[in-house]
Amino acid sequence: MALENFQKNTADFLDALALFPDRSRTIAPDGEWSAAFIVHHVADGELHFAARYLHTLGSDNPTMIYFEEERYPAALHYDQRSIAKSLASIAGIRAMVFEVLSTVDESAWSRTTTSQDGAVFTLTQLIEKANSHLVSHTQQLKELRAKYLTM
């Protein structure tokens, strides 16, 4: 089931960030993102993912909108954003999404959305992709923390 580890993945991400003292959340090795940038990126991603889920549930095979995540740090001013607000966004969006998806019937999991290049994704696949994204960034935080300890 797509929601099986949804809440655990959220908690794991928040736990990985909690290992960073507040003062170290903006520090990054050369060429890498800081913990703060990772949090802002995940918050933006969760917003996009939630919109995809809701569109998929509320429309018949909507077009999935991509986002150019490489442009976001500069365009959305990651260096000026509040980590507390991005964290609240992640927790709130994921809690709302979990609540919504916990109530859908079995047939909803096979509802589809089509990407701009014609690829079709089910709601289940969207959730799996988003969970994989969060797990990847949880690992990124853990690796960054290990580097921070050696800096």
C-alpha atoms as a PDB file:
ATOM      1  CA  MET A   1       0.000   0.000   0.000  1.00  0.00           C
ATOM      2  CA  ALA A   2       1.297   3.437  -0.950  1.00  0.00           C
ATOM      3  CA  LEU A   3       0.613   4.953   2.485  1.00  0.00           C
ATOM      4  CA  GLU A   4       2.350   2.185   4.413  1.00  0.00           C
ATOM      5  CA  ASN A   5       5.464   4.215   5.324  1.00  0.00           C
ATOM      6  CA  PHE A   6       4.097   7.699   4.661  1.00  0.00           C
ATOM      7  CA  GLN A   7       4.049   8.888   8.275  1.00  0.00           C
ATOM      8  CA  LYS A   8       7.279   7.074   9.149  1.00  0.00           C
ATOM      9  CA  ASN A   9       9.075   8.796   6.269  1.00  0.00           C
ATOM     10  CA  THR A  10       7.864  12.164   7.529  1.00  0.00           C
ATOM     11  CA  ALA A  11       9.098  11.428  11.052  1.00  0.00           C
ATOM     12  CA  ASP A  12      12.441  10.146   9.743  1.00  0.00           C
ATOM     13  CA  PHE A  13      12.991  13.368   7.789  1.00  0.00           C
ATOM     14  CA  LEU A  14      12.160  15.536  10.803  1.00  0.00           C
ATOM     15  CA  ASP A  15      14.394  13.393  13.033  1.00  0.00           C
ATOM     16  CA  ALA A  16      17.315  13.743  10.604  1.00  0.00           C
ATOM     17  CA  LEU A  17      16.942  17.516  10.642  1.00  0.00           C
ATOM     18  CA  ALA A  18      16.740  17.562  14.447  1.00  0.00           C
ATOM     19  CA  LEU A  19      20.353  16.318  14.547  1.00  0.00           C
ATOM     20  CA  PHE A  20      21.482  19.748  13.314  1.00  0.00           C
ATOM     21  CA  PRO A  21      21.917  22.495  15.891  1.00  0.00           C
ATOM     22  CA  ASP A  22      20.008  25.579  14.710  1.00  0.00           C
ATOM     23  CA  ARG A  23      23.220  27.478  14.028  1.00  0.00           C
ATOM     24  CA  SER A  24      24.506  24.773  11.672  1.00  0.00           C
ATOM     25  CA  ARG A  25      21.424  24.495   9.466  1.00  0.00           C
ATOM     26  CA  THR A  26      22.703  27.100   7.004  1.00  0.00           C
ATOM     27  CA  ILE A  27      26.239  25.699   6.722  1.00  0.00           C
ATOM     28  CA  ALA A  28      27.109  23.589   3.690  1.00  0.00           C
ATOM     29  CA  PRO A  29      30.272  22.065   2.262  1.00  0.00           C
ATOM     30  CA  ASP A  30      31.379  23.666  -1.010  1.00  0.00           C
ATOM     31  CA  GLY A  31      29.015  22.881  -3.856  1.00  0.00           C
ATOM     32  CA  GLU A  32      26.346  21.303  -1.641  1.00  0.00           C
ATOM     33  CA  TRP A  33      23.072  22.431  -0.151  1.00  0.00           C
ATOM     34  CA  SER A  34      22.732  23.321   3.503  1.00  0.00           C
ATOM     35  CA  ALA A  35      20.154  21.584   5.682  1.00  0.00           C
ATOM     36  CA  ALA A  36      18.005  24.716   5.338  1.00  0.00           C
ATOM     37  CA  PHE A  37      18.078  24.513   1.526  1.00  0.00           C
ATOM     38  CA  ILE A  38      17.124  20.837   1.702  1.00  0.00           C
ATOM     39  CA  VAL A  39      14.173  21.683   3.945  1.00  0.00           C
ATOM     40  CA  HIS A  40      12.983  24.472   1.628  1.00  0.00           C
ATOM     41  CA  HIS A  41      13.315  22.151  -1.367  1.00  0.00           C
ATOM     42  CA  VAL A  42      11.309  19.409   0.346  1.00  0.00           C
ATOM     43  CA  ALA A  43       8.622  21.923   1.370  1.00  0.00           C
ATOM     44  CA  ASP A  44       8.283  23.111  -2.220  1.00  0.00           C
ATOM     45  CA  GLY A  45       8.236  19.534  -3.479  1.00  0.00           C
ATOM     46  CA  GLU A  46       5.555  18.480  -1.000  1.00  0.00           C
ATOM     47  CA  LEU A  47       3.381  21.365  -2.164  1.00  0.00           C
ATOM     48  CA  HIS A  48       3.730  20.229  -5.774  1.00  0.00           C
ATOM     49  CA  PHE A  49       3.144  16.574  -4.892  1.00  0.00           C
ATOM     50  CA  ALA A  50      -0.001  17.417  -2.893  1.00  0.00           C
ATOM     51  CA  ALA A  51      -1.397  19.382  -5.831  1.00  0.00           C
ATOM     52  CA  ARG A  52      -0.779  16.367  -8.075  1.00  0.00           C
ATOM     53  CA  TYR A  53      -2.634  14.044  -5.710  1.00  0.00           C
ATOM     54  CA  LEU A  54      -5.593  16.383  -5.378  1.00  0.00           C
ATOM     55  CA  HIS A  55      -5.782  17.000  -9.130  1.00  0.00           C
ATOM     56  CA  THR A  56      -5.608  13.271  -9.772  1.00  0.00           C
ATOM     57  CA  LEU A  57      -8.410  12.599  -7.304  1.00  0.00           C
ATOM     58  CA  GLY A  58     -10.574  15.539  -8.349  1.00  0.00           C
ATOM     59  CA  SER A  59     -10.196  15.516 -12.122  1.00  0.00           C
ATOM     60  CA  ASP A  60     -10.277  12.942 -14.867  1.00  0.00           C
ATOM     61  CA  ASN A  61      -6.700  12.258 -15.984  1.00  0.00           C
ATOM     62  CA  PRO A  62      -5.345  15.799 -15.499  1.00  0.00           C
ATOM     63  CA  THR A  63      -2.068  16.952 -17.011  1.00  0.00           C
ATOM     64  CA  MET A  64       0.713  16.726 -14.449  1.00  0.00           C
ATOM     65  CA  ILE A  65       2.719  19.912 -14.145  1.00  0.00           C
ATOM     66  CA  TYR A  66       6.464  19.588 -13.712  1.00  0.00           C
ATOM     67  CA  PHE A  67       8.467  22.016 -11.649  1.00  0.00           C
ATOM     68  CA  GLU A  68      11.992  23.115 -12.394  1.00  0.00           C
ATOM     69  CA  GLU A  69      13.525  22.388  -9.024  1.00  0.00           C
ATOM     70  CA  GLU A  70      17.003  23.499 -10.117  1.00  0.00           C
ATOM     71  CA  ARG A  71      15.717  27.066 -10.481  1.00  0.00           C
ATOM     72  CA  TYR A  72      13.950  27.171  -7.131  1.00  0.00           C
ATOM     73  CA  PRO A  73      16.825  28.023  -4.737  1.00  0.00           C
ATOM     74  CA  ALA A  74      17.515  31.324  -6.495  1.00  0.00           C
ATOM     75  CA  ALA A  75      14.019  32.071  -7.806  1.00  0.00           C
ATOM     76  CA  LEU A  76      12.328  31.348  -4.463  1.00  0.00           C
ATOM     77  CA  HIS A  77      15.107  32.893  -2.342  1.00  0.00           C
ATOM     78  CA  TYR A  78      16.048  29.886  -0.238  1.00  0.00           C
ATOM     79  CA  ASP A  79      18.734  32.007   1.399  1.00  0.00           C
ATOM     80  CA  GLN A  80      16.063  34.330   2.851  1.00  0.00           C
ATOM     81  CA  ARG A  81      13.352  31.854   3.815  1.00  0.00           C
ATOM     82  CA  SER A  82      12.354  30.735   7.282  1.00  0.00           C
ATOM     83  CA  ILE A  83      13.244  27.131   8.033  1.00  0.00           C
ATOM     84  CA  ALA A  84      10.487  27.059  10.676  1.00  0.00           C
ATOM     85  CA  LYS A  85       7.854  27.950   8.080  1.00  0.00           C
ATOM     86  CA  SER A  86       9.157  25.388   5.605  1.00  0.00           C
ATOM     87  CA  LEU A  87       9.125  22.722   8.337  1.00  0.00           C
ATOM     88  CA  ALA A  88       5.579  23.665   9.308  1.00  0.00           C
ATOM     89  CA  SER A  89       4.624  23.406   5.655  1.00  0.00           C
ATOM     90  CA  ILE A  90       6.096  19.913   5.313  1.00  0.00           C
ATOM     91  CA  ALA A  91       4.391  18.654   8.470  1.00  0.00           C
ATOM     92  CA  GLY A  92       1.071  20.286   7.610  1.00  0.00           C
ATOM     93  CA  ILE A  93       0.943  19.217   3.982  1.00  0.00           C
ATOM     94  CA  ARG A  94       1.935  15.636   4.735  1.00  0.00           C
ATOM     95  CA  ALA A  95      -0.585  15.394   7.587  1.00  0.00           C
ATOM     96  CA  MET A  96      -3.365  16.744   5.351  1.00  0.00           C
ATOM     97  CA  VAL A  97      -2.386  14.456   2.478  1.00  0.00           C
ATOM     98  CA  PHE A  98      -2.300  11.443   4.788  1.00  0.00           C
ATOM     99  CA  GLU A  99      -5.763  12.314   6.087  1.00  0.00           C
ATOM    100  CA  VAL A 100      -7.177  12.695   2.569  1.00  0.00           C
ATOM    101  CA  LEU A 101      -5.558   9.569   1.175  1.00  0.00           C
ATOM    102  CA  SER A 102      -6.527   7.479   4.192  1.00  0.00           C
ATOM    103  CA  THR A 103     -10.166   7.956   3.242  1.00  0.00           C
ATOM    104  CA  VAL A 104     -10.088   7.166  -0.485  1.00  0.00           C
ATOM    105  CA  ASP A 105     -11.607   3.949  -1.755  1.00  0.00           C
ATOM    106  CA  GLU A 106      -9.551   1.256  -3.455  1.00  0.00           C
ATOM    107  CA  SER A 107     -10.456   2.411  -6.983  1.00  0.00           C
ATOM    108  CA  ALA A 108      -8.939   5.859  -6.349  1.00  0.00           C
ATOM    109  CA  TRP A 109      -5.423   4.399  -6.220  1.00  0.00           C
ATOM    110  CA  SER A 110      -5.600   3.592  -9.936  1.00  0.00           C
ATOM    111  CA  ARG A 111      -6.735   7.095 -10.965  1.00  0.00           C
ATOM    112  CA  THR A 112      -4.252   8.615 -13.390  1.00  0.00           C
ATOM    113  CA  THR A 113      -2.495  11.794 -14.377  1.00  0.00           C
ATOM    114  CA  THR A 114      -0.530  12.260 -17.587  1.00  0.00           C
ATOM    115  CA  SER A 115       2.765  14.105 -17.694  1.00  0.00           C
ATOM    116  CA  GLN A 116       3.537  16.653 -20.359  1.00  0.00           C
ATOM    117  CA  ASP A 117       5.647  14.055 -22.192  1.00  0.00           C
ATOM    118  CA  GLY A 118       2.747  11.577 -22.283  1.00  0.00           C
ATOM    119  CA  ALA A 119       3.766   9.255 -19.454  1.00  0.00           C
ATOM    120  CA  VAL A 120       0.819   8.093 -17.347  1.00  0.00           C
ATOM    121  CA  PHE A 121       1.074   7.771 -13.560  1.00  0.00           C
ATOM    122  CA  THR A 122      -1.400   6.298 -11.109  1.00  0.00           C
ATOM    123  CA  LEU A 123      -2.063   7.860  -7.733  1.00  0.00           C
ATOM    124  CA  THR A 124      -0.148   4.959  -6.185  1.00  0.00           C
ATOM    125  CA  GLN A 125       2.873   5.734  -8.368  1.00  0.00           C
ATOM    126  CA  LEU A 126       2.709   9.428  -7.460  1.00  0.00           C
ATOM    127  CA  ILE A 127       2.776   8.601  -3.752  1.00  0.00           C
ATOM    128  CA  GLU A 128       5.638   6.152  -4.202  1.00  0.00           C
ATOM    129  CA  LYS A 129       7.627   8.736  -6.168  1.00  0.00           C
ATOM    130  CA  ALA A 130       7.075  11.415  -3.524  1.00  0.00           C
ATOM    131  CA  ASN A 131       7.967   9.031  -0.692  1.00  0.00           C
ATOM    132  CA  SER A 132      11.155   8.105  -2.533  1.00  0.00           C
ATOM    133  CA  HIS A 133      11.955  11.819  -2.887  1.00  0.00           C
ATOM    134  CA  LEU A 134      11.578  12.366   0.856  1.00  0.00           C
ATOM    135  CA  VAL A 135      13.633   9.278   1.730  1.00  0.00           C
ATOM    136  CA  SER A 136      16.388  10.492  -0.610  1.00  0.00           C
ATOM    137  CA  HIS A 137      16.520  13.893   1.077  1.00  0.00           C
ATOM    138  CA  THR A 138      16.449  12.291   4.525  1.00  0.00           C
ATOM    139  CA  GLN A 139      19.586  10.403   3.505  1.00  0.00           C
ATOM    140  CA  GLN A 140      21.060  13.644   2.152  1.00  0.00           C
ATOM    141  CA  LEU A 141      20.520  15.276   5.566  1.00  0.00           C
ATOM    142  CA  LYS A 142      22.213  12.358   7.325  1.00  0.00           C
ATOM    143  CA  GLU A 143      25.218  12.549   4.994  1.00  0.00           C
ATOM    144  CA  LEU A 144      25.426  16.311   5.423  1.00  0.00           C
ATOM    145  CA  ARG A 145      25.348  15.900   9.194  1.00  0.00           C
ATOM    146  CA  ALA A 146      28.237  13.436   9.005  1.00  0.00           C
ATOM    147  CA  LYS A 147      30.232  15.954   6.930  1.00  0.00           C
ATOM    148  CA  TYR A 148      29.346  18.752   9.333  1.00  0.00           C
ATOM    149  CA  LEU A 149      30.841  16.767  12.215  1.00  0.00           C
ATOM    150  CA  THR A 150      34.161  16.626  10.337  1.00  0.00           C
ATOM    151  CA  MET A 151      34.197  20.299   9.283  1.00  0.00           C
END
